[in-house]
Amino acid sequence: MGGFWRQCNARSAPEKIRLSHRECMRARMPEARKAEADAAARAGVRLQPPTLMRAVYGSFEPALIVMLRLPWERMHAAYYNYVHYRGR
């Protein structure tokens, strides 16, 4: 998807005002997913988080990646770690 990001980011300022970067990327998402799946099939790899991160960011290395837990695991941890939740 790095190529799609570059295309959306390379637009002129008036184009960026008319159509935000997020909307530009959203419009290209189906095409990007197909391109990633095709590239993965050609390379003989499965689409796993490291492969997806490489496809999204290319050679750029993000400074922070957030992994979210499942909601029920968060609720379970909150029940035992935050005393004020036990009273509810």
C-alpha atoms as a PDB file:
ATOM      1  CA  MET A   1       0.000   0.000   0.000  1.00  0.00           C
ATOM      2  CA  GLY A   2       3.035   2.267   0.138  1.00  0.00           C
ATOM      3  CA  GLY A   3       2.515   3.235  -3.510  1.00  0.00           C
ATOM      4  CA  PHE A   4      -1.078   4.226  -2.835  1.00  0.00           C
ATOM      5  CA  TRP A   5       0.016   6.326   0.139  1.00  0.00           C
ATOM      6  CA  ARG A   6       2.579   8.120  -2.018  1.00  0.00           C
ATOM      7  CA  GLN A   7      -0.062   8.831  -4.692  1.00  0.00           C
ATOM      8  CA  CYS A   8      -2.504  10.256  -2.151  1.00  0.00           C
ATOM      9  CA  ASN A   9       0.230  12.265  -0.446  1.00  0.00           C
ATOM     10  CA  ALA A  10       1.655  13.678  -3.714  1.00  0.00           C
ATOM     11  CA  ARG A  11      -1.561  15.537  -4.576  1.00  0.00           C
ATOM     12  CA  SER A  12      -1.604  19.342  -4.701  1.00  0.00           C
ATOM     13  CA  ALA A  13      -2.763  21.381  -1.698  1.00  0.00           C
ATOM     14  CA  PRO A  14      -6.169  22.254  -3.237  1.00  0.00           C
ATOM     15  CA  GLU A  15      -6.766  18.573  -4.018  1.00  0.00           C
ATOM     16  CA  LYS A  16      -5.873  17.665  -0.429  1.00  0.00           C
ATOM     17  CA  ILE A  17      -8.376  20.225   0.861  1.00  0.00           C
ATOM     18  CA  ARG A  18     -11.093  18.935  -1.453  1.00  0.00           C
ATOM     19  CA  LEU A  19     -10.450  15.271  -0.560  1.00  0.00           C
ATOM     20  CA  SER A  20      -8.648  14.468   2.694  1.00  0.00           C
ATOM     21  CA  HIS A  21      -5.792  11.982   2.817  1.00  0.00           C
ATOM     22  CA  ARG A  22      -7.948   9.557   4.805  1.00  0.00           C
ATOM     23  CA  GLU A  23     -10.717   9.665   2.180  1.00  0.00           C
ATOM     24  CA  CYS A  24      -8.193   9.244  -0.640  1.00  0.00           C
ATOM     25  CA  MET A  25      -6.749   6.151   1.064  1.00  0.00           C
ATOM     26  CA  ARG A  26     -10.225   4.809   1.856  1.00  0.00           C
ATOM     27  CA  ALA A  27     -11.166   5.037  -1.840  1.00  0.00           C
ATOM     28  CA  ARG A  28      -8.039   3.069  -2.791  1.00  0.00           C
ATOM     29  CA  MET A  29      -8.338   0.425  -0.048  1.00  0.00           C
ATOM     30  CA  PRO A  30      -9.980  -2.368  -2.133  1.00  0.00           C
ATOM     31  CA  GLU A  31      -7.364  -1.907  -4.855  1.00  0.00           C
ATOM     32  CA  ALA A  32      -4.589  -1.881  -2.229  1.00  0.00           C
ATOM     33  CA  ARG A  33      -5.854  -5.057  -0.549  1.00  0.00           C
ATOM     34  CA  LYS A  34      -5.969  -6.872  -3.880  1.00  0.00           C
ATOM     35  CA  ALA A  35      -2.442  -5.672  -4.733  1.00  0.00           C
ATOM     36  CA  GLU A  36      -1.159  -6.871  -1.340  1.00  0.00           C
ATOM     37  CA  ALA A  37      -2.853 -10.268  -1.700  1.00  0.00           C
ATOM     38  CA  ASP A  38      -1.432 -10.659  -5.218  1.00  0.00           C
ATOM     39  CA  ALA A  39       2.057  -9.691  -4.048  1.00  0.00           C
ATOM     40  CA  ALA A  40       1.838 -12.139  -1.142  1.00  0.00           C
ATOM     41  CA  ALA A  41       0.671 -14.936  -3.444  1.00  0.00           C
ATOM     42  CA  ARG A  42       3.541 -14.260  -5.869  1.00  0.00           C
ATOM     43  CA  ALA A  43       6.028 -14.261  -2.991  1.00  0.00           C
ATOM     44  CA  GLY A  44       4.509 -17.399  -1.488  1.00  0.00           C
ATOM     45  CA  VAL A  45       3.849 -15.815   1.908  1.00  0.00           C
ATOM     46  CA  ARG A  46       0.750 -15.420   4.047  1.00  0.00           C
ATOM     47  CA  LEU A  47      -0.542 -12.019   5.052  1.00  0.00           C
ATOM     48  CA  GLN A  48       0.653 -11.787   8.646  1.00  0.00           C
ATOM     49  CA  PRO A  49       1.293  -8.622  10.689  1.00  0.00           C
ATOM     50  CA  PRO A  50       5.008  -8.258   9.782  1.00  0.00           C
ATOM     51  CA  THR A  51       4.232  -8.744   6.106  1.00  0.00           C
ATOM     52  CA  LEU A  52       1.329  -6.311   6.281  1.00  0.00           C
ATOM     53  CA  MET A  53       3.421  -3.716   8.130  1.00  0.00           C
ATOM     54  CA  ARG A  54       6.098  -3.979   5.445  1.00  0.00           C
ATOM     55  CA  ALA A  55       3.444  -3.569   2.735  1.00  0.00           C
ATOM     56  CA  VAL A  56       1.907  -0.534   4.428  1.00  0.00           C
ATOM     57  CA  TYR A  57       5.050   1.299   5.522  1.00  0.00           C
ATOM     58  CA  GLY A  58       7.593   0.141   2.929  1.00  0.00           C
ATOM     59  CA  SER A  59      11.102   1.106   4.038  1.00  0.00           C
ATOM     60  CA  PHE A  60       9.787   3.589   6.644  1.00  0.00           C
ATOM     61  CA  GLU A  61      10.023   2.246  10.196  1.00  0.00           C
ATOM     62  CA  PRO A  62       7.248   3.546  12.483  1.00  0.00           C
ATOM     63  CA  ALA A  63       8.292   4.750  15.922  1.00  0.00           C
ATOM     64  CA  LEU A  64       5.298   3.277  17.746  1.00  0.00           C
ATOM     65  CA  ILE A  65       2.969   0.379  17.013  1.00  0.00           C
ATOM     66  CA  VAL A  66      -0.035  -0.174  19.255  1.00  0.00           C
ATOM     67  CA  MET A  67      -1.448  -3.654  19.722  1.00  0.00           C
ATOM     68  CA  LEU A  68      -4.954  -3.768  21.153  1.00  0.00           C
ATOM     69  CA  ARG A  69      -6.190  -6.612  23.325  1.00  0.00           C
ATOM     70  CA  LEU A  70      -9.536  -8.305  23.144  1.00  0.00           C
ATOM     71  CA  PRO A  71     -12.266  -6.394  25.045  1.00  0.00           C
ATOM     72  CA  TRP A  72     -13.081  -9.232  27.461  1.00  0.00           C
ATOM     73  CA  GLU A  73      -9.403  -9.583  28.372  1.00  0.00           C
ATOM     74  CA  ARG A  74      -9.285  -5.862  29.087  1.00  0.00           C
ATOM     75  CA  MET A  75     -12.427  -6.100  31.236  1.00  0.00           C
ATOM     76  CA  HIS A  76     -10.976  -9.057  33.157  1.00  0.00           C
ATOM     77  CA  ALA A  77      -7.715  -7.206  33.815  1.00  0.00           C
ATOM     78  CA  ALA A  78      -9.592  -4.029  34.794  1.00  0.00           C
ATOM     79  CA  TYR A  79     -11.727  -5.949  37.295  1.00  0.00           C
ATOM     80  CA  TYR A  80      -8.678  -7.236  39.166  1.00  0.00           C
ATOM     81  CA  ASN A  81      -6.368  -4.230  38.729  1.00  0.00           C
ATOM     82  CA  TYR A  82      -8.739  -1.296  39.269  1.00  0.00           C
ATOM     83  CA  VAL A  83     -10.528  -1.604  42.598  1.00  0.00           C
ATOM     84  CA  HIS A  84     -13.273   0.896  41.729  1.00  0.00           C
ATOM     85  CA  TYR A  85     -14.621  -1.485  39.041  1.00  0.00           C
ATOM     86  CA  ARG A  86     -15.361  -4.209  41.615  1.00  0.00           C
ATOM     87  CA  GLY A  87     -18.008  -2.076  43.285  1.00  0.00           C
ATOM     88  CA  ARG A  88     -20.113  -1.810  40.133  1.00  0.00           C
END
